[in-house]
Structures are given as C-alpha cells and as structure tokens.
Amino acid sequence: MKKFLNLTFLECIEKFQHQKTEIDKTQLENILDTYSKYSNDSHIMPTLFVLNYCTQKFALVSDNVKKLSGYDVMLLREEGLPFFLNILNKNDFIIYNEKIFPKNINFLNNTPQQEHSYCVFSHDYRIISKDNHIIRLHQRNTFFTSPETGIPLLNIGMVTDISLFKKDSTILHQIEKITPDGNETHLLYSETYYSETCLFSKREIEVLKWLAEGLNTFDIANKLVTAESTISNHRKSMMEKSNSKNVAQLITYSIRNNIL
C-alpha cells in the first residue's frame, strides 16, 4: 500500500474506485457488531454507516440519519459520497482531506493488515442540515481493508451529534486500538486542528450585515467603495457556503448560527 502514502482523501478515492470489492462478511459483521455495542452503551443514539469507497455509495445508513440531519436515508444511499461532501463544512473537509486522512492511511500502512479491524479512527466535523443549521458531529470509524493490498475498501462507523456540547471549530483527531474482546481501548495518537472560526470571511460579513439592513447591491457597493460585481460575488460565495437559495435564507441561516 506504499503507493498510497501521503495522498489526500480525494486522490485515494480516485484510486480506490478501481479496486475489487471482495468482502469477508464475517469480518464485516464483527466490526458492525463492535459499533452496535458502542451504540447500545451511548446515551445519545448514533447513526451507523458503511461507506463503500469503490462505489462511493453508502451500503448502510441507519434510519435515524433523518432525525440527525433532516435528509432522507434513501437520498444519502442513492447520492452517496458526492452528496455528503456537498453538505460537509468546506474548511473541515480541507483538514480531513490534506491532514487527517493521510495520517490514517500511513498508520494502516505501518500496522499488520490482520489488526486493521481493531483500529478506530475518530474526528470531529460540521455538516449543514436540510434546514440550514450547522450540526457538529463526532465520527468513530474502522477501515475494512483488502487482505492482499491493505487498501481501504469500506469505511465503517458511527456519527454522533455533539452540537450541545461543542461550539468551537476545533477538530480532534484520534487513533485508538481496541482489544479483540472489545472491552478495552488504548489511545495511540491524538492531535487537534483549528478550522476557521467562521464560515464567512471578514469582508463577506460586512456585506452580509448590509444585506440584513435591506440594502441592495448598488448601495452596498457605494458604502464599501467597490464594484457591484464584487458585492455580487461575495453574496454568491456566502450562499454557496451556507447552501442558501436566496438572500432571505442566507440571513436566516446567519441568525440561527450566530453569525449575525
């Protein structure tokens, strides 16, 4: 698997598409059973998932994902990874893509393949719900890897809503190993990354505040002494970042998420 060292998540996904997906069902069931135990012990019901890297589809998403995010389970299963990346906070994904995932792959490369199913990787990130709320999630997952190459074929794990407990934009990345009986967990690696504290830039927030006051593009351009096209680009950028279809939704999103 050395040829995958230091590649980003997106680069690896491109390569994973061409791998065979022969799966040891017994091993898969054992991993799922481990996460089911975590689920039963938790005071907050997590959402279980199985993401097939070769097809970029979710082979499994538990039904409570709708309560978590507002999105229907069938939408996630049918649209798969591209849809999930679209609702994922862009800054958080940059950190996962360029820093967290490569470290996970490097760790797997230096761990015997038969021990991969006992390795648990976790990190925090934010998604945008169907009603334009920011949801902070904690994910714990295990990679199901090819016995021949060690290449990840499936990502199996669970996500839990931690919005009530976590308000900042830090991302905690950890790697743990569980004992074969599942009774003990040993922390092997931990690092904290810092994502941007706000989804919008300082200039975008200036434009946003004037939009909330009811000013149009021409008036805002005059106040900020810039071109109307620049104001339009800022507005478009904020709408894309927040998945808003119009200015009214953008302002509502900003109020709900304490930006305004």
C-alpha atoms as a PDB file:
ATOM      1  CA  MET A   1       0.000   0.000   0.000  1.00  0.00           C
ATOM      2  CA  LYS A   2       3.055   2.286  -0.047  1.00  0.00           C
ATOM      3  CA  LYS A   3       1.979   3.898  -3.302  1.00  0.00           C
ATOM      4  CA  PHE A   4      -0.944   5.453  -1.368  1.00  0.00           C
ATOM      5  CA  LEU A   5       1.266   7.117   1.244  1.00  0.00           C
ATOM      6  CA  ASN A   6       0.841  10.894   1.622  1.00  0.00           C
ATOM      7  CA  LEU A   7      -2.071  11.029  -0.828  1.00  0.00           C
ATOM      8  CA  THR A   8      -5.129  13.078   0.093  1.00  0.00           C
ATOM      9  CA  PHE A   9      -8.571  11.568   0.608  1.00  0.00           C
ATOM     10  CA  LEU A  10      -9.747  12.687  -2.847  1.00  0.00           C
ATOM     11  CA  GLU A  11      -6.635  11.302  -4.527  1.00  0.00           C
ATOM     12  CA  CYS A  12      -7.064   7.962  -2.786  1.00  0.00           C
ATOM     13  CA  ILE A  13     -10.776   7.778  -3.585  1.00  0.00           C
ATOM     14  CA  GLU A  14      -9.906   8.159  -7.251  1.00  0.00           C
ATOM     15  CA  LYS A  15      -7.581   5.163  -6.994  1.00  0.00           C
ATOM     16  CA  PHE A  16      -9.900   3.103  -4.779  1.00  0.00           C
ATOM     17  CA  GLN A  17     -12.584   3.101  -7.484  1.00  0.00           C
ATOM     18  CA  HIS A  18     -10.567   0.580  -9.453  1.00  0.00           C
ATOM     19  CA  GLN A  19     -10.133  -1.917  -6.622  1.00  0.00           C
ATOM     20  CA  LYS A  20     -12.006  -5.204  -6.282  1.00  0.00           C
ATOM     21  CA  THR A  21     -14.605  -5.272  -3.516  1.00  0.00           C
ATOM     22  CA  GLU A  22     -14.412  -8.879  -2.320  1.00  0.00           C
ATOM     23  CA  ILE A  23     -15.545  -8.654   1.290  1.00  0.00           C
ATOM     24  CA  ASP A  24     -15.155 -11.105   4.145  1.00  0.00           C
ATOM     25  CA  LYS A  25     -18.691 -10.952   5.512  1.00  0.00           C
ATOM     26  CA  THR A  26     -17.693 -12.473   8.850  1.00  0.00           C
ATOM     27  CA  GLN A  27     -15.089  -9.757   9.423  1.00  0.00           C
ATOM     28  CA  LEU A  28     -17.586  -7.096   8.362  1.00  0.00           C
ATOM     29  CA  GLU A  29     -20.231  -8.441  10.753  1.00  0.00           C
ATOM     30  CA  ASN A  30     -17.698  -8.436  13.603  1.00  0.00           C
ATOM     31  CA  ILE A  31     -16.876  -4.770  13.008  1.00  0.00           C
ATOM     32  CA  LEU A  32     -20.551  -3.823  12.800  1.00  0.00           C
ATOM     33  CA  ASP A  33     -21.216  -5.764  15.987  1.00  0.00           C
ATOM     34  CA  THR A  34     -18.490  -3.761  17.750  1.00  0.00           C
ATOM     35  CA  TYR A  35     -20.114  -0.475  16.746  1.00  0.00           C
ATOM     36  CA  SER A  36     -23.532  -1.764  17.739  1.00  0.00           C
ATOM     37  CA  LYS A  37     -22.146  -2.244  21.262  1.00  0.00           C
ATOM     38  CA  TYR A  38     -20.934   1.360  21.278  1.00  0.00           C
ATOM     39  CA  SER A  39     -24.385   2.363  20.103  1.00  0.00           C
ATOM     40  CA  ASN A  40     -26.184   0.497  22.879  1.00  0.00           C
ATOM     41  CA  ASP A  41     -23.938   1.983  25.544  1.00  0.00           C
ATOM     42  CA  SER A  42     -24.348   5.578  24.381  1.00  0.00           C
ATOM     43  CA  HIS A  43     -26.868   7.967  25.935  1.00  0.00           C
ATOM     44  CA  ILE A  44     -27.190   9.583  22.515  1.00  0.00           C
ATOM     45  CA  MET A  45     -28.224   7.249  19.712  1.00  0.00           C
ATOM     46  CA  PRO A  46     -25.528   7.466  16.991  1.00  0.00           C
ATOM     47  CA  THR A  47     -26.028   6.966  13.279  1.00  0.00           C
ATOM     48  CA  LEU A  48     -24.300   3.876  11.903  1.00  0.00           C
ATOM     49  CA  PHE A  49     -22.918   3.841   8.362  1.00  0.00           C
ATOM     50  CA  VAL A  50     -20.952   1.746   5.883  1.00  0.00           C
ATOM     51  CA  LEU A  51     -19.348   3.688   3.022  1.00  0.00           C
ATOM     52  CA  ASN A  52     -18.038   1.679   0.064  1.00  0.00           C
ATOM     53  CA  TYR A  53     -15.011   3.536  -1.299  1.00  0.00           C
ATOM     54  CA  CYS A  54     -15.023   1.564  -4.540  1.00  0.00           C
ATOM     55  CA  THR A  55     -18.575   2.624  -5.466  1.00  0.00           C
ATOM     56  CA  GLN A  56     -18.673   5.857  -3.411  1.00  0.00           C
ATOM     57  CA  LYS A  57     -22.068   4.713  -2.117  1.00  0.00           C
ATOM     58  CA  PHE A  58     -23.364   4.095   1.394  1.00  0.00           C
ATOM     59  CA  ALA A  59     -24.027   0.367   1.745  1.00  0.00           C
ATOM     60  CA  LEU A  60     -25.683   1.150   5.075  1.00  0.00           C
ATOM     61  CA  VAL A  61     -27.024   4.258   6.801  1.00  0.00           C
ATOM     62  CA  SER A  62     -29.250   3.823   9.842  1.00  0.00           C
ATOM     63  CA  ASP A  63     -32.727   5.341   9.612  1.00  0.00           C
ATOM     64  CA  ASN A  64     -32.143   7.896  12.380  1.00  0.00           C
ATOM     65  CA  VAL A  65     -29.972   9.933   9.985  1.00  0.00           C
ATOM     66  CA  LYS A  66     -33.131  11.876   9.092  1.00  0.00           C
ATOM     67  CA  LYS A  67     -33.630  12.941  12.700  1.00  0.00           C
ATOM     68  CA  LEU A  68     -29.955  13.890  12.846  1.00  0.00           C
ATOM     69  CA  SER A  69     -29.669  15.887   9.628  1.00  0.00           C
ATOM     70  CA  GLY A  70     -33.117  16.251   8.065  1.00  0.00           C
ATOM     71  CA  TYR A  71     -32.005  14.329   4.968  1.00  0.00           C
ATOM     72  CA  ASP A  72     -33.822  11.147   3.985  1.00  0.00           C
ATOM     73  CA  VAL A  73     -31.835   7.938   4.338  1.00  0.00           C
ATOM     74  CA  MET A  74     -32.572   6.925   0.744  1.00  0.00           C
ATOM     75  CA  LEU A  75     -31.152  10.222  -0.541  1.00  0.00           C
ATOM     76  CA  LEU A  76     -27.841   9.513   1.193  1.00  0.00           C
ATOM     77  CA  ARG A  77     -27.774   5.930  -0.056  1.00  0.00           C
ATOM     78  CA  GLU A  78     -28.555   6.885  -3.646  1.00  0.00           C
ATOM     79  CA  GLU A  79     -26.399  10.004  -3.929  1.00  0.00           C
ATOM     80  CA  GLY A  80     -23.549   8.635  -1.830  1.00  0.00           C
ATOM     81  CA  LEU A  81     -20.233  10.335  -1.161  1.00  0.00           C
ATOM     82  CA  PRO A  82     -20.647  13.305  -3.569  1.00  0.00           C
ATOM     83  CA  PHE A  83     -23.806  14.410  -1.731  1.00  0.00           C
ATOM     84  CA  PHE A  84     -22.166  14.032   1.669  1.00  0.00           C
ATOM     85  CA  LEU A  85     -19.160  16.116   0.592  1.00  0.00           C
ATOM     86  CA  ASN A  86     -21.561  18.812  -0.596  1.00  0.00           C
ATOM     87  CA  ILE A  87     -23.109  19.263   2.867  1.00  0.00           C
ATOM     88  CA  LEU A  88     -19.785  18.941   4.701  1.00  0.00           C
ATOM     89  CA  ASN A  89     -18.170  22.130   6.007  1.00  0.00           C
ATOM     90  CA  LYS A  90     -15.571  23.067   3.397  1.00  0.00           C
ATOM     91  CA  ASN A  91     -12.884  24.123   5.890  1.00  0.00           C
ATOM     92  CA  ASP A  92     -13.317  20.946   7.927  1.00  0.00           C
ATOM     93  CA  PHE A  93     -13.014  18.822   4.796  1.00  0.00           C
ATOM     94  CA  ILE A  94      -9.783  20.538   3.759  1.00  0.00           C
ATOM     95  CA  ILE A  95      -8.242  19.477   7.071  1.00  0.00           C
ATOM     96  CA  TYR A  96      -9.576  15.918   6.721  1.00  0.00           C
ATOM     97  CA  ASN A  97      -8.524  15.660   3.085  1.00  0.00           C
ATOM     98  CA  GLU A  98      -4.996  17.012   3.484  1.00  0.00           C
ATOM     99  CA  LYS A  99      -4.024  16.092   7.065  1.00  0.00           C
ATOM    100  CA  ILE A 100      -6.253  13.595   8.866  1.00  0.00           C
ATOM    101  CA  PHE A 101      -6.868  11.020   6.141  1.00  0.00           C
ATOM    102  CA  PRO A 102      -3.205  10.790   5.032  1.00  0.00           C
ATOM    103  CA  LYS A 103      -2.198  10.142   8.667  1.00  0.00           C
ATOM    104  CA  ASN A 104      -4.831   7.418   8.934  1.00  0.00           C
ATOM    105  CA  ILE A 105      -3.539   5.759   5.768  1.00  0.00           C
ATOM    106  CA  ASN A 106       0.071   5.992   6.954  1.00  0.00           C
ATOM    107  CA  PHE A 107      -0.953   4.385  10.245  1.00  0.00           C
ATOM    108  CA  LEU A 108      -2.654   1.496   8.437  1.00  0.00           C
ATOM    109  CA  ASN A 109       0.403   1.063   6.246  1.00  0.00           C
ATOM    110  CA  ASN A 110       2.547   0.546   9.346  1.00  0.00           C
ATOM    111  CA  THR A 111       0.060  -1.822  11.018  1.00  0.00           C
ATOM    112  CA  PRO A 112      -0.330  -5.520  10.092  1.00  0.00           C
ATOM    113  CA  GLN A 113      -3.429  -5.982   7.942  1.00  0.00           C
ATOM    114  CA  GLN A 114      -4.933  -8.536  10.323  1.00  0.00           C
ATOM    115  CA  GLU A 115      -5.010  -5.816  13.018  1.00  0.00           C
ATOM    116  CA  HIS A 116      -6.775  -3.183  10.898  1.00  0.00           C
ATOM    117  CA  SER A 117     -10.223  -4.186  12.147  1.00  0.00           C
ATOM    118  CA  TYR A 118      -9.132  -3.315  15.716  1.00  0.00           C
ATOM    119  CA  CYS A 119      -8.040   0.231  14.785  1.00  0.00           C
ATOM    120  CA  VAL A 120     -10.529   3.021  15.483  1.00  0.00           C
ATOM    121  CA  PHE A 121     -10.140   6.461  13.924  1.00  0.00           C
ATOM    122  CA  SER A 122     -12.126   9.452  15.152  1.00  0.00           C
ATOM    123  CA  HIS A 123     -12.506  13.123  14.275  1.00  0.00           C
ATOM    124  CA  ASP A 124     -14.998  15.994  14.540  1.00  0.00           C
ATOM    125  CA  TYR A 125     -16.575  17.931  11.694  1.00  0.00           C
ATOM    126  CA  ARG A 126     -19.575  20.048  10.774  1.00  0.00           C
ATOM    127  CA  ILE A 127     -22.340  19.498   8.238  1.00  0.00           C
ATOM    128  CA  ILE A 128     -25.162  21.739   7.067  1.00  0.00           C
ATOM    129  CA  SER A 129     -28.568  20.223   7.827  1.00  0.00           C
ATOM    130  CA  LYS A 130     -31.508  20.318   5.468  1.00  0.00           C
ATOM    131  CA  ASP A 131     -32.922  23.344   7.325  1.00  0.00           C
ATOM    132  CA  ASN A 132     -29.553  25.165   7.098  1.00  0.00           C
ATOM    133  CA  HIS A 133     -28.365  24.566  10.677  1.00  0.00           C
ATOM    134  CA  ILE A 134     -24.749  23.775  11.460  1.00  0.00           C
ATOM    135  CA  ILE A 135     -24.505  20.333  13.093  1.00  0.00           C
ATOM    136  CA  ARG A 136     -21.302  19.330  14.859  1.00  0.00           C
ATOM    137  CA  LEU A 137     -20.574  15.627  14.613  1.00  0.00           C
ATOM    138  CA  HIS A 138     -18.124  13.221  16.199  1.00  0.00           C
ATOM    139  CA  GLN A 139     -17.235  10.252  13.986  1.00  0.00           C
ATOM    140  CA  ARG A 140     -15.629   6.965  15.024  1.00  0.00           C
ATOM    141  CA  ASN A 141     -14.789   4.571  12.232  1.00  0.00           C
ATOM    142  CA  THR A 142     -12.816   1.497  11.230  1.00  0.00           C
ATOM    143  CA  PHE A 143     -11.434   0.828   7.757  1.00  0.00           C
ATOM    144  CA  PHE A 144     -12.203  -2.544   6.207  1.00  0.00           C
ATOM    145  CA  THR A 145      -9.097  -3.223   4.132  1.00  0.00           C
ATOM    146  CA  SER A 146      -8.086  -5.614   1.374  1.00  0.00           C
ATOM    147  CA  PRO A 147      -6.185  -8.643   2.756  1.00  0.00           C
ATOM    148  CA  GLU A 148      -3.929  -8.563  -0.312  1.00  0.00           C
ATOM    149  CA  THR A 149      -3.053  -4.857  -0.514  1.00  0.00           C
ATOM    150  CA  GLY A 150      -4.186  -3.303   2.784  1.00  0.00           C
ATOM    151  CA  ILE A 151      -6.131  -0.717   0.769  1.00  0.00           C
ATOM    152  CA  PRO A 152      -9.338   0.534   2.478  1.00  0.00           C
ATOM    153  CA  LEU A 153     -12.421  -0.835   0.749  1.00  0.00           C
ATOM    154  CA  LEU A 154     -15.069   0.210   3.291  1.00  0.00           C
ATOM    155  CA  ASN A 155     -15.349   2.880   5.958  1.00  0.00           C
ATOM    156  CA  ILE A 156     -17.488   1.526   8.795  1.00  0.00           C
ATOM    157  CA  GLY A 157     -18.502   3.541  11.816  1.00  0.00           C
ATOM    158  CA  MET A 158     -20.912   5.870  13.548  1.00  0.00           C
ATOM    159  CA  VAL A 159     -21.523   9.586  13.943  1.00  0.00           C
ATOM    160  CA  THR A 160     -22.965  11.336  16.989  1.00  0.00           C
ATOM    161  CA  ASP A 161     -24.410  14.846  17.234  1.00  0.00           C
ATOM    162  CA  ILE A 162     -22.253  16.810  19.710  1.00  0.00           C
ATOM    163  CA  SER A 163     -23.733  20.242  18.948  1.00  0.00           C
ATOM    164  CA  LEU A 164     -24.987  20.650  22.521  1.00  0.00           C
ATOM    165  CA  PHE A 165     -21.510  20.155  23.954  1.00  0.00           C
ATOM    166  CA  LYS A 166     -19.206  21.644  21.332  1.00  0.00           C
ATOM    167  CA  LYS A 167     -19.451  25.176  19.929  1.00  0.00           C
ATOM    168  CA  ASP A 168     -15.962  25.880  18.571  1.00  0.00           C
ATOM    169  CA  SER A 169     -14.416  24.868  15.260  1.00  0.00           C
ATOM    170  CA  THR A 170     -11.541  22.740  16.565  1.00  0.00           C
ATOM    171  CA  ILE A 171     -11.140  19.260  15.127  1.00  0.00           C
ATOM    172  CA  LEU A 172      -9.888  16.500  17.418  1.00  0.00           C
ATOM    173  CA  HIS A 173      -8.286  13.609  15.538  1.00  0.00           C
ATOM    174  CA  GLN A 174      -7.503  10.405  17.413  1.00  0.00           C
ATOM    175  CA  ILE A 175      -6.362   6.865  16.627  1.00  0.00           C
ATOM    176  CA  GLU A 176      -7.148   4.054  19.058  1.00  0.00           C
ATOM    177  CA  LYS A 177      -6.840   0.305  19.209  1.00  0.00           C
ATOM    178  CA  ILE A 178      -9.447  -1.924  20.798  1.00  0.00           C
ATOM    179  CA  THR A 179      -8.672  -5.327  22.251  1.00  0.00           C
ATOM    180  CA  PRO A 180     -10.053  -8.364  20.359  1.00  0.00           C
ATOM    181  CA  ASP A 181     -12.701  -8.841  23.058  1.00  0.00           C
ATOM    182  CA  GLY A 182     -13.776  -5.205  22.637  1.00  0.00           C
ATOM    183  CA  ASN A 183     -13.515  -4.475  26.357  1.00  0.00           C
ATOM    184  CA  GLU A 184     -10.518  -2.115  26.306  1.00  0.00           C
ATOM    185  CA  THR A 185      -9.474   0.814  24.140  1.00  0.00           C
ATOM    186  CA  HIS A 186      -5.949   2.218  24.006  1.00  0.00           C
ATOM    187  CA  LEU A 187      -5.246   5.731  22.704  1.00  0.00           C
ATOM    188  CA  LEU A 188      -2.284   5.731  20.301  1.00  0.00           C
ATOM    189  CA  TYR A 189      -2.422   9.180  18.729  1.00  0.00           C
ATOM    190  CA  SER A 190      -4.183  12.487  19.318  1.00  0.00           C
ATOM    191  CA  GLU A 191      -3.953  15.883  17.637  1.00  0.00           C
ATOM    192  CA  THR A 192      -6.123  18.984  17.490  1.00  0.00           C
ATOM    193  CA  TYR A 193      -6.539  21.084  14.349  1.00  0.00           C
ATOM    194  CA  TYR A 194      -8.041  24.524  14.109  1.00  0.00           C
ATOM    195  CA  SER A 195     -10.592  25.232  11.406  1.00  0.00           C
ATOM    196  CA  GLU A 196     -11.724  28.781  10.654  1.00  0.00           C
ATOM    197  CA  THR A 197     -13.909  30.180  13.418  1.00  0.00           C
ATOM    198  CA  CYS A 198     -16.451  31.494  10.929  1.00  0.00           C
ATOM    199  CA  LEU A 199     -17.766  30.148   7.664  1.00  0.00           C
ATOM    200  CA  PHE A 200     -17.617  33.619   6.071  1.00  0.00           C
ATOM    201  CA  SER A 201     -14.674  35.982   5.570  1.00  0.00           C
ATOM    202  CA  LYS A 202     -14.490  39.360   7.314  1.00  0.00           C
ATOM    203  CA  ARG A 203     -15.445  41.153   4.100  1.00  0.00           C
ATOM    204  CA  GLU A 204     -18.338  38.776   3.464  1.00  0.00           C
ATOM    205  CA  ILE A 205     -19.708  39.506   6.932  1.00  0.00           C
ATOM    206  CA  GLU A 206     -19.591  43.240   6.158  1.00  0.00           C
ATOM    207  CA  VAL A 207     -21.674  42.616   3.041  1.00  0.00           C
ATOM    208  CA  LEU A 208     -23.970  40.290   4.993  1.00  0.00           C
ATOM    209  CA  LYS A 209     -24.714  42.949   7.611  1.00  0.00           C
ATOM    210  CA  TRP A 210     -25.738  45.462   4.945  1.00  0.00           C
ATOM    211  CA  LEU A 211     -27.898  42.823   3.233  1.00  0.00           C
ATOM    212  CA  ALA A 212     -29.629  42.254   6.568  1.00  0.00           C
ATOM    213  CA  GLU A 213     -30.310  46.009   6.722  1.00  0.00           C
ATOM    214  CA  GLY A 214     -32.150  45.724   3.414  1.00  0.00           C
ATOM    215  CA  LEU A 215     -29.580  47.417   1.172  1.00  0.00           C
ATOM    216  CA  ASN A 216     -29.251  46.327  -2.442  1.00  0.00           C
ATOM    217  CA  THR A 217     -26.047  45.550  -4.355  1.00  0.00           C
ATOM    218  CA  PHE A 218     -25.644  49.100  -5.675  1.00  0.00           C
ATOM    219  CA  ASP A 219     -25.988  50.698  -2.224  1.00  0.00           C
ATOM    220  CA  ILE A 220     -23.597  48.242  -0.568  1.00  0.00           C
ATOM    221  CA  ALA A 221     -21.009  48.797  -3.309  1.00  0.00           C
ATOM    222  CA  ASN A 222     -21.170  52.546  -2.669  1.00  0.00           C
ATOM    223  CA  LYS A 223     -20.772  52.124   1.100  1.00  0.00           C
ATOM    224  CA  LEU A 224     -17.790  49.795   0.731  1.00  0.00           C
ATOM    225  CA  VAL A 225     -16.349  51.752  -2.220  1.00  0.00           C
ATOM    226  CA  THR A 226     -16.103  48.777  -4.516  1.00  0.00           C
ATOM    227  CA  ALA A 227     -17.672  47.388  -7.683  1.00  0.00           C
ATOM    228  CA  GLU A 228     -21.191  45.938  -7.765  1.00  0.00           C
ATOM    229  CA  SER A 229     -19.747  42.738  -9.269  1.00  0.00           C
ATOM    230  CA  THR A 230     -17.559  42.310  -6.181  1.00  0.00           C
ATOM    231  CA  ILE A 231     -20.599  42.553  -3.900  1.00  0.00           C
ATOM    232  CA  SER A 232     -22.453  40.049  -6.090  1.00  0.00           C
ATOM    233  CA  ASN A 233     -19.512  37.636  -5.857  1.00  0.00           C
ATOM    234  CA  HIS A 234     -19.442  37.926  -2.056  1.00  0.00           C
ATOM    235  CA  ARG A 235     -23.188  37.263  -1.878  1.00  0.00           C
ATOM    236  CA  LYS A 236     -22.887  34.254  -4.202  1.00  0.00           C
ATOM    237  CA  SER A 237     -19.981  32.858  -2.168  1.00  0.00           C
ATOM    238  CA  MET A 238     -21.927  33.099   1.107  1.00  0.00           C
ATOM    239  CA  MET A 239     -24.983  31.455  -0.417  1.00  0.00           C
ATOM    240  CA  GLU A 240     -22.863  28.555  -1.675  1.00  0.00           C
ATOM    241  CA  LYS A 241     -21.119  28.102   1.689  1.00  0.00           C
ATOM    242  CA  SER A 242     -24.424  28.071   3.561  1.00  0.00           C
ATOM    243  CA  ASN A 243     -26.442  26.154   0.925  1.00  0.00           C
ATOM    244  CA  SER A 244     -28.866  29.088   0.745  1.00  0.00           C
ATOM    245  CA  LYS A 245     -31.049  29.608  -2.312  1.00  0.00           C
ATOM    246  CA  ASN A 246     -31.694  33.325  -1.773  1.00  0.00           C
ATOM    247  CA  VAL A 247     -30.749  36.256   0.457  1.00  0.00           C
ATOM    248  CA  ALA A 248     -33.645  35.604   2.850  1.00  0.00           C
ATOM    249  CA  GLN A 249     -32.384  32.061   3.509  1.00  0.00           C
ATOM    250  CA  LEU A 250     -28.831  33.386   3.872  1.00  0.00           C
ATOM    251  CA  ILE A 251     -29.897  35.872   6.554  1.00  0.00           C
ATOM    252  CA  THR A 252     -31.986  33.245   8.357  1.00  0.00           C
ATOM    253  CA  TYR A 253     -29.035  30.851   8.318  1.00  0.00           C
ATOM    254  CA  SER A 254     -26.715  33.557   9.682  1.00  0.00           C
ATOM    255  CA  ILE A 255     -29.063  34.439  12.539  1.00  0.00           C
ATOM    256  CA  ARG A 256     -29.612  30.793  13.508  1.00  0.00           C
ATOM    257  CA  ASN A 257     -25.855  30.148  13.582  1.00  0.00           C
ATOM    258  CA  ASN A 258     -24.916  33.332  15.469  1.00  0.00           C
ATOM    259  CA  ILE A 259     -23.079  34.934  12.546  1.00  0.00           C
ATOM    260  CA  LEU A 260     -25.334  37.993  12.652  1.00  0.00           C
END
